Protein backbone atom coordinates (compact mmCIF):
# COMPACT_ATOMS: atom_id res chain seq x y z
CA MET A 1 -0.46 -0.05 -0.11
CA THR A 2 1.21 3.24 -1.21
CA ILE A 3 1.15 6.01 0.99
CA GLN A 4 0.07 9.22 -1.24
CA LEU A 5 -1.00 13.26 -1.05
CA LEU A 6 -4.78 13.87 -2.11
CA PRO A 7 -5.81 16.36 -4.48
CA ASP A 8 -7.30 19.47 -2.71
CA HIS A 9 -10.94 18.73 -3.92
CA LEU A 10 -11.07 15.76 -2.00
CA ILE A 11 -9.61 17.05 1.03
CA SER A 12 -12.21 19.89 0.84
CA GLN A 13 -14.79 17.72 0.74
CA ILE A 14 -13.32 15.90 3.56
CA ALA A 15 -12.87 18.58 5.48
CA ALA A 16 -16.88 19.30 4.86
CA GLY A 17 -17.93 16.18 6.34
CA GLU A 18 -16.33 17.03 9.61
CA VAL A 19 -18.02 20.97 9.30
CA VAL A 20 -21.19 20.91 7.22
CA GLU A 21 -23.06 17.96 8.59
CA ARG A 22 -26.70 19.15 6.88
CA PRO A 23 -27.71 22.94 6.47
CA ALA A 24 -28.01 24.06 9.62
CA SER A 25 -24.20 23.32 10.10
CA ALA A 26 -23.70 26.08 7.35
CA LEU A 27 -25.98 28.34 8.68
CA LYS A 28 -24.24 27.98 12.27
CA GLU A 29 -21.09 29.10 10.62
CA LEU A 30 -22.83 31.69 8.52
CA LEU A 31 -24.19 33.62 11.11
CA GLU A 32 -21.03 33.44 13.02
CA ASN A 33 -19.15 34.94 10.67
CA SER A 34 -21.79 37.76 10.58
CA LEU A 35 -21.46 38.57 14.22
CA ASP A 36 -17.93 38.03 13.95
CA ALA A 37 -17.86 40.94 11.68
CA GLY A 38 -19.68 42.88 13.66
CA ALA A 39 -23.15 42.89 12.31
CA ASP A 40 -25.87 43.93 14.46
CA ASN A 41 -29.02 42.89 12.16
CA VAL A 42 -28.91 39.46 10.26
CA SER A 43 -31.40 37.72 8.01
CA VAL A 44 -31.97 34.54 6.86
CA MET A 45 -33.72 32.78 4.04
CA LEU A 46 -34.20 29.36 3.63
CA LEU A 47 -35.75 27.19 0.84
CA GLN A 48 -36.22 23.68 1.01
CA GLY A 49 -35.46 23.95 4.64
CA GLY A 50 -31.86 25.32 3.80
CA ILE A 51 -31.36 22.55 0.77
CA LYS A 52 -32.26 24.13 -2.08
CA GLN A 53 -31.12 27.62 -0.61
CA LEU A 54 -29.71 29.16 2.31
CA ARG A 55 -28.75 32.81 2.39
CA VAL A 56 -27.80 35.59 4.93
CA ALA A 57 -27.39 38.81 5.17
CA ASP A 58 -25.71 41.10 7.56
CA ASN A 59 -24.68 44.66 7.90
CA GLY A 60 -21.23 43.70 9.01
CA GLY A 61 -17.87 45.20 7.95
CA GLY A 62 -18.04 43.52 4.63
CA ILE A 63 -14.84 41.99 2.94
CA ALA A 64 -12.01 43.61 0.77
CA PRO A 65 -12.20 43.01 -2.61
CA ASN A 66 -8.34 41.59 -2.97
CA GLU A 67 -9.95 39.30 -0.27
CA LEU A 68 -13.11 37.97 -1.71
CA PRO A 69 -10.73 34.93 -3.13
CA LEU A 70 -8.87 34.03 0.38
CA ALA A 71 -12.84 33.66 2.35
CA LEU A 72 -13.30 30.80 -0.06
CA ALA A 73 -9.82 29.29 0.79
CA ARG A 74 -9.06 26.71 3.23
CA HIS A 75 -7.14 27.65 6.40
CA ALA A 76 -7.41 31.42 5.33
CA THR A 77 -9.24 33.75 8.46
CA SER A 78 -8.51 37.17 9.59
CA LYS A 79 -9.41 36.14 13.46
CA ILE A 80 -5.82 34.71 14.14
CA ALA A 81 -2.47 34.89 12.58
CA SER A 82 -0.44 32.81 15.50
CA LEU A 83 -0.49 30.00 17.69
CA ASP A 84 -0.64 33.02 20.47
CA ASP A 85 -4.28 34.73 18.97
CA LEU A 86 -5.34 30.94 18.85
CA GLU A 87 -4.42 30.70 22.47
CA ARG A 88 -7.30 33.47 23.29
CA VAL A 89 -9.44 33.66 20.29
CA ALA A 90 -12.37 35.65 21.53
CA SER A 91 -14.44 35.50 17.69
CA LEU A 92 -16.93 32.81 17.25
CA GLY A 93 -14.95 31.46 13.94
CA PHE A 94 -11.08 31.24 13.56
CA ARG A 95 -10.04 28.26 11.99
CA GLY A 96 -11.05 29.30 8.02
CA GLU A 97 -12.63 26.18 7.10
CA ALA A 98 -16.26 26.67 7.09
CA LEU A 99 -16.69 28.99 3.86
CA ALA A 100 -14.29 26.93 2.06
CA SER A 101 -16.06 23.12 3.29
CA ILE A 102 -19.43 24.83 1.98
CA ALA A 103 -17.90 25.85 -0.79
CA SER A 104 -16.63 22.93 -2.14
CA VAL A 105 -19.79 20.64 -1.64
CA SER A 106 -22.42 23.74 -3.19
CA ARG A 107 -22.79 26.76 -5.65
CA THR A 108 -21.69 29.59 -3.06
CA SER A 109 -21.74 33.47 -4.20
CA ILE A 110 -20.70 36.09 -1.89
CA VAL A 111 -21.55 39.40 -2.28
CA SER A 112 -19.66 42.12 0.06
CA ARG A 113 -19.13 45.65 0.39
CA LEU A 114 -16.38 47.02 2.61
CA THR A 115 -16.97 49.95 5.03
CA GLY A 116 -15.82 53.07 2.94
CA GLU A 117 -15.99 51.32 -0.45
CA ARG A 118 -17.93 52.83 -3.42
CA HIS A 119 -19.48 49.77 -4.39
CA ALA A 120 -19.80 46.10 -3.36
CA TRP A 121 -17.72 42.65 -5.04
CA ARG A 122 -19.04 39.27 -5.67
CA ILE A 123 -17.87 36.21 -5.84
CA ALA A 124 -18.88 33.06 -6.58
CA SER A 125 -17.80 28.83 -6.63
CA GLU A 126 -19.62 25.49 -7.98
CA GLY A 127 -18.08 23.04 -6.07
CA ALA A 128 -14.06 23.07 -6.39
CA THR A 129 -14.59 25.51 -9.73
CA LEU A 130 -13.68 28.99 -8.48
CA ILE A 131 -14.97 32.22 -10.37
CA PRO A 132 -13.58 35.59 -10.15
CA ALA A 133 -14.58 38.55 -8.41
CA GLU A 134 -16.44 41.05 -10.15
CA PRO A 135 -18.49 44.41 -9.20
CA ALA A 136 -21.61 44.33 -7.65
CA ALA A 137 -24.59 46.07 -6.24
CA LEU A 138 -25.11 46.28 -2.23
CA ASP A 139 -25.80 49.12 0.17
CA GLU A 140 -23.58 47.49 3.24
CA GLY A 141 -22.15 44.49 4.64
CA THR A 142 -22.21 41.29 3.49
CA VAL A 143 -24.52 38.24 1.40
CA VAL A 144 -23.54 34.85 1.42
CA GLU A 145 -25.95 32.77 -0.77
CA VAL A 146 -25.56 28.62 -0.75
CA ASN A 147 -27.34 26.66 -3.34
CA ASP A 148 -27.87 22.91 -3.70
CA LEU A 149 -25.87 21.76 -0.64
CA TYR A 150 -24.45 18.90 -1.85
CA PHE A 151 -25.20 18.80 -5.19
CA ASN A 152 -21.68 17.25 -6.32
CA THR A 153 -21.87 14.38 -3.77
CA PRO A 154 -25.32 12.96 -3.95
CA ALA A 155 -24.09 10.02 -1.71
CA ARG A 156 -23.83 12.28 1.05
CA ARG A 157 -27.35 14.49 0.18
CA LYS A 158 -29.42 10.79 0.56
CA PHE A 159 -28.19 11.38 4.19
CA LEU A 160 -30.52 14.54 4.42
CA LYS A 161 -33.28 14.47 6.31
CA THR A 162 -37.12 15.53 5.37
CA GLU A 163 -37.21 19.11 4.21
CA ASN A 164 -39.41 19.50 7.65
CA THR A 165 -36.48 18.12 9.61
CA GLU A 166 -33.80 19.87 8.64
CA PHE A 167 -35.63 23.34 8.77
CA GLY A 168 -36.05 22.31 12.93
CA HIS A 169 -32.43 21.58 13.12
CA CYS A 170 -31.55 25.44 11.04
CA GLU A 171 -34.29 27.08 13.32
CA GLU A 172 -32.73 25.44 16.40
CA ALA A 173 -29.29 26.87 15.22
CA PHE A 174 -30.75 30.72 14.76
CA LYS A 175 -32.24 30.29 18.15
CA ARG A 176 -29.26 29.27 20.08
CA ILE A 177 -27.36 32.17 17.59
CA ALA A 178 -30.09 34.85 18.63
CA LEU A 179 -30.25 34.05 22.05
CA SER A 180 -26.62 34.73 22.04
CA ARG A 181 -26.56 38.26 21.11
CA PRO A 182 -29.30 40.15 22.21
CA GLN A 183 -28.18 43.36 21.44
CA ALA A 184 -28.30 42.43 17.40
CA GLY A 185 -31.32 42.10 15.30
CA PHE A 186 -32.77 38.58 13.31
CA MET A 187 -34.92 37.93 11.14
CA LEU A 188 -35.88 34.56 9.36
CA GLN A 189 -37.77 33.48 6.59
CA HIS A 190 -38.49 30.09 5.42
CA ASN A 191 -40.27 29.13 1.78
CA GLY A 192 -41.14 32.72 1.66
CA ARG A 193 -42.59 32.79 5.33
CA ALA A 194 -41.20 34.74 7.77
CA GLN A 195 -40.96 32.59 10.95
CA TRP A 196 -39.02 35.27 13.08
CA ARG A 197 -38.29 38.56 13.50
CA MET A 198 -36.52 39.63 16.64
CA THR A 199 -35.55 43.50 17.44
CA ALA A 200 -32.45 44.11 19.15
CA GLY A 201 -33.24 44.47 23.36
CA GLU A 202 -32.20 43.63 26.55
CA PRO A 203 -31.51 39.73 27.33
CA GLN A 204 -34.64 39.17 29.04
CA LYS A 205 -36.82 40.19 26.33
CA ARG A 206 -35.16 38.10 23.95
CA PHE A 207 -35.06 35.12 26.54
CA ALA A 208 -39.10 35.43 26.49
CA GLU A 209 -39.19 35.73 22.67
CA VAL A 210 -37.01 33.13 21.22
CA LEU A 211 -37.92 30.81 25.07
CA GLY A 212 -41.57 31.66 25.18
CA SER A 213 -43.14 33.92 28.22
CA GLU A 214 -44.10 31.19 30.28
CA PHE A 215 -39.90 30.54 30.97
CA SER A 216 -39.57 34.29 31.81
CA GLU A 217 -42.27 33.92 34.39
CA HIS A 218 -40.52 30.67 35.91
CA ALA A 219 -37.34 31.68 35.50
CA LEU A 220 -34.75 33.19 38.22
CA MET A 221 -32.15 35.91 37.09
CA LEU A 222 -28.68 34.98 37.58
CA ASP A 223 -25.55 37.69 37.63
CA GLU A 224 -22.62 36.45 39.80
CA SER A 225 -18.76 37.37 39.39
CA SER A 226 -15.81 35.78 41.32
CA ALA A 227 -11.80 35.70 40.60
CA GLY A 228 -12.13 36.45 37.34
CA LEU A 229 -15.41 34.19 36.73
CA ARG A 230 -19.11 35.57 35.63
CA LEU A 231 -21.90 33.59 35.42
CA TRP A 232 -25.13 35.52 34.09
CA GLY A 233 -28.90 34.68 32.53
CA MET A 234 -31.98 32.82 33.60
CA ALA A 235 -32.44 29.41 34.79
CA ALA A 236 -35.78 28.15 35.37
CA LYS A 237 -37.21 27.05 38.68
CA PRO A 238 -37.58 23.52 39.49
CA ALA A 239 -41.55 23.41 38.54
CA TYR A 240 -40.98 24.19 35.16
CA SER A 241 -38.50 21.16 34.12
CA LYS A 242 -38.66 19.52 31.03
CA LEU A 243 -38.77 16.10 29.87
CA SER A 244 -35.87 16.51 27.65
CA ARG A 245 -32.80 18.78 27.39
CA ASP A 246 -34.44 21.40 24.43
CA THR A 247 -34.29 24.24 26.67
CA GLN A 248 -30.65 24.00 28.08
CA TYR A 249 -29.00 26.69 26.36
CA PHE A 250 -25.53 27.25 27.88
CA TYR A 251 -22.15 29.67 26.40
CA VAL A 252 -19.41 30.25 27.00
CA ASN A 253 -17.48 33.54 25.94
CA GLY A 254 -20.56 33.88 23.85
CA ARG A 255 -20.16 30.55 22.21
CA PHE A 256 -23.20 27.77 22.69
CA ILE A 257 -21.17 24.42 24.10
CA ARG A 258 -22.24 21.04 25.23
CA ASP A 259 -19.91 20.07 27.91
CA LYS A 260 -20.20 17.34 30.30
CA LEU A 261 -18.53 19.05 32.71
CA VAL A 262 -20.92 22.22 32.92
CA SER A 263 -23.78 19.63 32.93
CA HIS A 264 -22.60 17.39 36.08
CA ALA A 265 -22.34 21.21 37.51
CA ILE A 266 -25.79 22.55 36.71
CA ARG A 267 -27.40 18.81 37.28
CA GLN A 268 -25.59 18.52 40.84
CA ALA A 269 -27.17 21.75 41.41
CA TYR A 270 -30.68 21.15 40.26
CA GLN A 271 -30.17 17.36 42.48
CA ASP A 272 -32.11 18.57 45.73
CA VAL A 273 -35.39 20.03 44.12
CA LEU A 274 -35.57 18.18 40.66
CA HIS A 275 -38.71 15.89 40.47
CA HIS A 276 -37.30 12.55 39.13
CA GLN A 277 -36.15 12.17 35.53
CA ARG A 278 -37.35 15.45 34.44
CA HIS A 279 -34.22 18.44 33.22
CA PRO A 280 -33.73 21.56 34.21
CA ALA A 281 -34.25 24.87 31.55
CA PHE A 282 -32.20 27.65 30.89
CA VAL A 283 -30.20 29.69 29.37
CA LEU A 284 -26.90 30.69 31.04
CA PHE A 285 -23.62 32.57 30.10
CA PHE A 286 -20.06 31.84 31.52
CA GLU A 287 -17.68 34.41 31.11
CA ILE A 288 -14.22 33.43 31.31
CA ASP A 289 -10.35 34.79 30.64
CA PRO A 290 -10.12 33.08 26.51
CA THR A 291 -6.67 32.14 28.10
CA LEU A 292 -8.16 29.67 30.37
CA VAL A 293 -10.23 27.95 28.26
CA ASP A 294 -9.73 25.61 24.48
CA VAL A 295 -12.49 25.87 22.55
CA ASN A 296 -9.93 24.05 19.54
CA VAL A 297 -10.89 20.72 20.54
CA HIS A 298 -13.98 19.86 18.12
CA PRO A 299 -14.59 20.40 14.77
CA THR A 300 -18.06 21.98 15.02
CA LYS A 301 -16.61 24.16 17.89
CA THR A 302 -19.27 23.00 20.55
CA GLU A 303 -16.77 20.99 23.63
CA VAL A 304 -14.38 23.39 24.88
CA ARG A 305 -12.04 21.91 27.89
CA PHE A 306 -10.83 24.41 30.70
CA ARG A 307 -7.73 24.93 32.17
CA ASP A 308 -8.94 24.32 35.82
CA SER A 309 -12.12 22.38 35.37
CA GLN A 310 -12.45 22.14 39.30
CA ALA A 311 -12.84 25.34 39.59
CA VAL A 312 -15.47 26.20 37.20
CA HIS A 313 -17.28 23.57 38.40
CA ARG A 314 -17.47 24.75 41.30
CA PHE A 315 -18.84 28.03 40.61
CA ILE A 316 -21.15 27.08 38.17
CA PHE A 317 -22.47 24.89 40.98
CA HIS A 318 -22.42 27.54 43.83
CA VAL A 319 -23.98 30.18 41.93
CA LEU A 320 -27.41 27.87 40.71
CA HIS A 321 -27.10 25.77 44.23
CA LYS A 322 -27.11 29.82 45.80
CA ALA A 323 -30.05 31.30 43.80
CA LEU A 324 -32.07 27.66 43.74
CA ALA A 325 -31.99 27.36 47.46
CA ALA A 326 -33.06 31.02 48.49
CA PRO A 327 -35.78 30.94 51.43
CA VAL A 328 -39.24 32.29 50.18
CA ALA A 329 -38.89 35.31 52.61
CA ALA A 330 -35.92 36.34 50.53
CA ALA A 331 -37.80 37.96 47.49
CA PRO A 332 -41.26 38.68 48.47
CA GLU A 333 -42.19 40.14 44.92
CA GLN A 334 -41.10 36.78 42.90
CA ASN A 335 -42.15 34.45 45.57
CA ASN A 336 -44.77 32.71 42.59
CA PRO A 337 -43.62 29.70 41.43
CA PHE A 338 -46.13 28.88 38.84
CA GLY A 339 -46.36 32.72 37.42
CA LEU A 340 -49.51 33.84 37.92
CA ASN A 341 -50.66 37.83 37.29
CA GLN A 342 -50.32 39.51 40.54
CA PRO A 343 -53.41 41.50 41.72
CA GLN A 344 -54.38 44.59 40.04
CA PRO A 345 -56.27 47.65 41.78
CA GLY A 346 -60.20 47.58 41.68
CA SER A 347 -59.66 43.61 41.11
CA GLY A 348 -62.83 43.05 43.43
CA ALA A 349 -60.92 42.37 46.56
CA PRO A 350 -63.94 43.61 49.59
CA SER A 351 -62.85 46.07 51.14
CA SER A 352 -66.01 48.25 52.26
CA PRO A 353 -67.24 48.50 55.91
CA GLY A 354 -70.56 46.13 55.15
CA GLN A 355 -68.21 43.67 53.45
CA ALA A 356 -66.06 43.57 57.06
CA ALA A 357 -69.18 42.75 58.60
CA TYR A 358 -69.20 39.49 57.85
CA SER A 359 -66.29 38.13 59.12
CA THR A 360 -66.39 35.70 62.05
CA GLN A 361 -63.02 36.51 63.49
CA PRO A 362 -60.68 39.50 63.18
CA TYR A 363 -57.07 39.32 62.19
CA GLN A 364 -55.14 37.14 64.68
CA PRO A 365 -53.08 39.27 66.50
CA GLN A 366 -52.28 37.19 69.23
CA ILE A 367 -51.26 34.22 67.22
CA PRO A 368 -47.17 33.95 67.58
CA LEU A 369 -45.61 33.91 64.23
CA ARG A 370 -42.27 32.21 64.32
CA ALA A 371 -41.78 28.31 64.48
CA ALA A 372 -40.31 29.01 67.75
CA GLU A 373 -43.84 29.36 69.37
CA SER A 374 -45.36 26.70 67.94
CA LEU A 375 -47.65 24.11 69.80
CA GLY A 376 -48.35 20.42 69.98
CA PHE A 377 -46.52 18.51 67.52
CA TYR A 378 -44.98 21.29 66.07
CA GLU A 379 -43.35 22.27 69.54
CA THR A 380 -41.33 18.74 68.91
CA LEU A 381 -40.85 19.01 65.66
CA PHE A 382 -39.39 22.18 65.35
CA GLY A 383 -37.58 23.06 69.14
CA ASN A 384 -38.19 23.46 71.92
CA SER A 385 -41.20 26.63 72.87
CA SER A 386 -40.75 29.45 74.76
CA ASN A 387 -44.30 28.92 76.03
CA ALA A 388 -45.00 25.23 75.29
CA ALA A 389 -47.43 25.31 78.40
CA ALA A 390 -50.11 28.01 76.61
CA PRO A 391 -53.10 25.79 75.70
CA ALA A 392 -52.98 25.08 72.21
CA GLN A 393 -56.21 26.16 70.15
CA ALA A 394 -58.94 24.01 68.87
CA PRO A 395 -58.38 22.21 65.37
CA LEU A 396 -59.79 24.61 62.62
CA GLN A 397 -62.30 22.35 60.68
CA VAL A 398 -64.39 24.88 58.91
CA SER A 399 -62.99 28.11 56.34
CA PRO A 400 -63.12 31.08 58.65
CA PRO A 401 -63.25 34.82 57.14
CA TYR A 402 -62.75 36.63 54.25
CA VAL A 403 -59.86 38.82 55.80
CA ILE A 404 -58.99 42.59 54.63
CA THR A 405 -55.72 42.40 53.05
CA GLU A 406 -56.16 45.76 53.22
CA ASP A 407 -56.90 45.83 57.33
CA LEU A 408 -53.40 44.16 58.04
CA PRO A 409 -50.91 45.34 59.95
CA ALA A 410 -47.97 46.71 57.61
CA GLU A 411 -45.63 44.20 59.44
CA ALA A 412 -47.85 41.43 59.06
CA GLN A 413 -47.97 42.44 54.71
CA GLU A 414 -44.97 41.85 54.70
CA PHE A 415 -45.36 37.60 55.12
CA PRO A 416 -44.86 36.55 51.05
CA LEU A 417 -46.78 33.25 52.49
CA GLY A 418 -49.37 35.24 54.65
CA PHE A 419 -51.48 33.86 57.28
CA ALA A 420 -53.49 29.98 57.77
CA ILE A 421 -57.20 30.60 57.57
CA ALA A 422 -58.28 26.86 56.97
CA GLN A 423 -56.84 23.32 56.56
CA LEU A 424 -58.81 21.16 54.01
CA HIS A 425 -59.04 17.83 53.98
CA GLY A 426 -56.09 17.22 56.53
CA VAL A 427 -54.02 17.66 53.34
CA TYR A 428 -53.71 21.63 52.53
CA VAL A 429 -53.34 24.54 54.27
CA LEU A 430 -55.24 27.61 52.80
CA ALA A 431 -53.96 30.90 53.35
CA GLN A 432 -54.14 34.96 52.62
CA ASN A 433 -51.66 36.64 51.55
CA ARG A 434 -51.58 40.09 50.37
CA HIS A 435 -52.07 38.68 46.39
CA GLY A 436 -54.60 36.40 47.52
CA LEU A 437 -55.07 32.68 47.97
CA VAL A 438 -51.86 30.60 49.09
CA VAL A 439 -52.69 26.66 48.57
CA VAL A 440 -49.72 24.98 50.46
CA ASP A 441 -48.68 20.99 50.72
CA MET A 442 -48.72 20.68 54.01
CA HIS A 443 -46.75 16.86 54.09
CA ALA A 444 -44.74 18.14 51.19
CA ALA A 445 -43.65 21.58 52.95
CA HIS A 446 -42.95 20.15 56.55
CA GLU A 447 -40.74 17.41 54.69
CA ARG A 448 -38.48 19.96 52.60
CA ILE A 449 -38.26 21.73 56.55
CA MET A 450 -36.69 18.57 58.21
CA TYR A 451 -34.76 17.91 55.11
CA GLU A 452 -32.73 21.31 55.08
CA ARG A 453 -32.44 21.14 58.83
CA LEU A 454 -31.09 17.38 58.71
CA LYS A 455 -28.74 18.58 56.50
CA ASN A 456 -27.41 21.38 58.80
CA ALA A 457 -27.45 19.48 61.59
CA LEU A 458 -25.37 16.96 60.14
CA ASP A 459 -23.36 19.06 58.60
CA THR A 460 -22.57 20.08 61.81
CA ARG A 461 -22.58 17.12 63.63
CA ALA A 462 -25.14 18.06 66.01
CA ILE A 463 -28.40 15.93 65.25
CA ALA A 464 -29.85 15.58 68.58
CA THR A 465 -30.38 12.23 70.05
CA GLN A 466 -33.87 11.41 71.74
CA PRO A 467 -33.81 8.59 73.89
CA LEU A 468 -37.46 6.88 74.31
CA LEU A 469 -38.87 6.04 76.85
CA ILE A 470 -39.64 2.62 76.32
CA PRO A 471 -37.23 1.04 73.69
CA VAL A 472 -39.33 -0.71 70.31
CA SER A 473 -37.90 -3.89 69.38
CA PHE A 474 -38.64 -5.78 66.35
CA HIS A 475 -37.85 -8.68 64.02
CA ALA A 476 -35.16 -8.24 62.21
CA ASP A 477 -33.26 -10.54 59.49
CA ARG A 478 -29.61 -11.75 59.99
CA LEU A 479 -28.26 -8.96 57.33
CA GLU A 480 -30.15 -6.52 59.14
CA VAL A 481 -28.45 -7.17 62.40
CA ALA A 482 -25.27 -7.99 60.77
CA THR A 483 -25.07 -3.85 59.55
CA VAL A 484 -26.57 -2.57 62.79
CA GLU A 485 -23.02 -4.54 64.33
CA GLU A 486 -20.98 -3.21 61.54
CA GLN A 487 -21.99 0.11 61.12
CA GLU A 488 -23.25 1.26 64.93
CA THR A 489 -20.62 4.43 64.27
CA VAL A 490 -22.50 5.99 61.02
CA LEU A 491 -25.92 5.06 63.36
CA HIS A 492 -24.51 6.81 65.88
CA ASP A 493 -24.03 10.08 63.57
CA LEU A 494 -26.81 9.90 62.16
CA GLY A 495 -28.66 10.16 65.60
CA PHE A 496 -29.71 6.29 66.29
CA GLU A 497 -28.99 4.11 68.85
CA ILE A 498 -30.20 0.66 67.78
CA ALA A 499 -29.04 -2.61 69.95
CA VAL A 500 -29.11 -6.33 68.96
CA LEU A 501 -30.95 -8.10 71.78
CA SER A 502 -31.18 -11.14 69.71
CA PRO A 503 -29.24 -12.92 66.15
CA THR A 504 -33.34 -11.83 64.93
CA THR A 505 -33.99 -8.80 67.15
CA LEU A 506 -33.04 -5.44 67.19
CA ALA A 507 -34.63 -2.56 69.98
CA VAL A 508 -34.46 0.86 69.21
CA ARG A 509 -33.42 2.88 72.12
CA ALA A 510 -32.78 6.35 70.49
CA ILE A 511 -33.73 8.47 67.50
CA PRO A 512 -32.60 11.83 66.17
CA ALA A 513 -34.96 14.71 68.30
CA MET A 514 -35.87 16.17 65.34
CA LEU A 515 -37.72 12.77 64.52
CA ALA A 516 -39.01 12.12 67.98
CA ASP A 517 -42.81 11.77 66.51
CA ALA A 518 -41.64 9.58 63.46
CA ASP A 519 -42.28 5.66 63.78
CA ALA A 520 -39.40 4.72 65.22
CA VAL A 521 -39.45 0.64 64.00
CA ALA A 522 -40.03 2.01 60.07
CA LEU A 523 -37.54 4.88 60.09
CA ALA A 524 -34.86 2.56 61.44
CA ARG A 525 -36.23 0.15 58.98
CA ALA A 526 -35.53 2.34 56.20
CA VAL A 527 -32.48 3.55 57.51
CA ILE A 528 -30.70 -0.21 57.97
CA ALA A 529 -31.57 -1.13 54.50
CA ASP A 530 -30.19 2.46 53.15
CA ILE A 531 -26.76 1.60 54.77
CA ARG A 532 -27.13 -2.20 54.26
CA GLU A 533 -27.20 -1.86 50.37
CA TYR A 534 -24.83 1.87 50.09
CA GLY A 535 -22.11 0.84 53.05
CA GLY A 536 -22.12 3.66 55.85
CA SER A 537 -19.43 5.58 54.20
CA ARG A 538 -21.47 6.32 50.89
CA VAL A 539 -24.11 6.71 53.19
CA LEU A 540 -22.76 9.63 54.29
CA THR A 541 -21.03 10.79 51.33
CA GLU A 542 -22.53 10.80 47.99
CA ARG A 543 -25.84 8.87 48.91
CA ARG A 544 -26.32 11.48 52.07
CA ASN A 545 -28.80 13.66 50.74
CA GLU A 546 -30.71 10.67 49.78
CA MET A 547 -30.55 9.06 53.18
CA LEU A 548 -31.76 12.63 54.52
CA ALA A 549 -34.72 12.63 52.58
CA THR A 550 -35.95 9.48 53.37
CA MET A 551 -35.81 10.00 57.13
CA ALA A 552 -37.58 13.34 56.36
CA CYS A 553 -39.99 12.04 54.59
CA HIS A 554 -41.03 9.44 57.83
CA ALA A 555 -41.11 12.50 59.67
CA ALA A 556 -42.86 15.10 58.23
CA VAL A 557 -46.56 16.07 59.47
CA ARG A 558 -49.08 13.02 57.34
CA ALA A 559 -52.07 13.65 55.55
CA ASN A 560 -55.25 13.94 57.46
CA ARG A 561 -53.40 15.46 60.40
CA SER A 562 -55.33 18.23 61.97
CA LEU A 563 -53.34 21.75 62.84
CA THR A 564 -54.27 24.34 64.68
CA VAL A 565 -53.95 28.08 63.47
CA THR A 566 -50.84 28.25 65.32
CA GLU A 567 -49.64 25.54 63.94
CA MET A 568 -50.64 25.79 60.45
CA ASN A 569 -48.95 30.10 60.77
CA ALA A 570 -45.89 28.13 62.42
CA LEU A 571 -45.48 25.77 59.08
CA LEU A 572 -45.64 28.96 56.67
CA ARG A 573 -43.19 31.09 59.19
CA ASP A 574 -40.55 28.29 58.66
CA MET A 575 -41.37 28.04 54.37
CA GLU A 576 -40.43 31.52 54.20
CA ALA A 577 -37.21 30.94 56.37
CA THR A 578 -35.99 27.76 54.55
CA GLU A 579 -33.99 27.40 51.48
CA ARG A 580 -35.50 25.51 48.17
CA SER A 581 -39.08 25.53 50.35
CA ASP A 582 -40.56 25.67 46.47
CA GLN A 583 -40.19 22.37 45.93
CA CYS A 584 -40.36 19.12 48.17
CA ASN A 585 -37.07 16.47 48.35
CA HIS A 586 -39.09 15.37 44.88
CA GLY A 587 -39.14 18.06 43.32
CA ARG A 588 -42.50 18.68 43.36
CA PRO A 589 -44.55 22.62 43.95
CA THR A 590 -45.23 23.09 47.84
CA TRP A 591 -47.09 25.53 47.39
CA PHE A 592 -49.24 28.18 44.87
CA GLN A 593 -50.82 31.40 44.66
CA MET A 594 -54.15 32.46 43.13
CA THR A 595 -54.83 36.01 42.91
CA MET A 596 -57.55 38.11 43.65
CA SER A 597 -58.09 38.54 39.88
CA GLU A 598 -58.29 34.87 39.20
CA LEU A 599 -60.46 34.26 41.79
CA ASP A 600 -62.56 37.18 40.08
CA LYS A 601 -62.21 35.42 37.08
CA MET A 602 -63.73 32.49 38.09
CA PHE A 603 -66.71 34.02 39.52
CA MET A 604 -67.45 36.55 36.66
CA ARG A 605 -67.18 39.47 39.14
CA GLY A 606 -66.89 42.75 37.42
CA LYS A 607 -68.51 41.28 34.28
């Protein structure tokens, strides 16, 4: 077998196979070139999903007439000139392969007018054949037209999908670029019909245009900087999670990427609040010194390598973790996890003295509002009460009053979740805040509170133990007994004291004080099962959160448990002060808001 040099046209087609996988790949490269040229207005026209024609026009700086032939030559670029430039590249393109690769498998033309030139020039190619430049008419910028993609490689053309499929890929490439440059205007036409028209504006406006208003209503704004790193953009709350990853956009220095390190950091930040196999939605921009990231890793430039990957992972994780962990009380104006509208003046909320007379109970100034003042089981679960001897109120079984929001004291209106007015079927707490009605899943909310407290206690090795007045014994198999004997230290760290009474009997002598009202046997069995399956060291490290979630679930207040108004209010106050209290440990919402405007619409008030 003889080694020989390949002809240039074959080299170009091989390169095209790497760079131009489908029309969307070509569109991405052309759009990036437009942005690198300083364009702030880009128009895209497609025919037959980009297979028949793909046209990109911009108002960028243009190309000099004598450089037009180089634009279609391989490894010719204005972006870099040395290895140092490559190591700190800040432009989207830099290899000088894209236009040459596209031209080698299509009929391509470029019309460009350099800023300050009297007129434009046009150059074209048909596969490997270059047509010399000639004068042309164009107001500004550059127009690149790609026709009949893969006309000279029919075998490759057969691998293209249907027109609709190829257009879908082109539209996704267009959206990625449009999201990355909110300060630029973009237009997309397909088969003569306008599909997208976006004007330059604020990032939040662009995010809402591309991802929908529902995403914006459910998303948190981020902007954090540290040690030369910056992460900003929007990340959706867990309640807006998706079944697929199609609403995940991450950019490094303005370049869209898919990176395993970044994906892992984001999954870790969401793991405590995301439900089962669902995926978070986000559009995030990561800024870093270009010398600390290598973008020359993959032909499509969608993969990168970071010099200090651990620092990047920690930074992304902590920024998202901090945003998602913010308690309800930290943002009373943005505590609506379902994005419902805020009440408007004149919405029909009762406000007249006549309506006030219907109230069967006044506002509750005598009820303590902190969890430390809670009674009954809440006293045990949430800590010692300073007035534990105070008589508990009778459980509230019926819906009390209309309580007039405008008449509430100013300090009372500051509580985002408001004040309890009833308990529904022993499952939901109904509360009134200044926006309207709040519905709380009491088990889910209490589970999150207990979970966060257990995590904090374990982190500080301060899980208090509650000895049982009468130890509880239960039948156990030999593996359970062996687990207790081998993992005594781990059980002690988790707040348990379990003794072996016989080869088939265990006795629970103490459990964590925070879980004193839980079923001691069921709780002990669950903990022993986890330790037996994963081992003591893993339970206290990588499986720690799953273990504590199990413990919290056993301790959380169950459905059909009647709560006093004091207990309900204590739950609301603790939710406001607890991180990630918008979701339970499994990622499900713990509460939602119904505004007065929405209630008025249900009853057709004002019509």
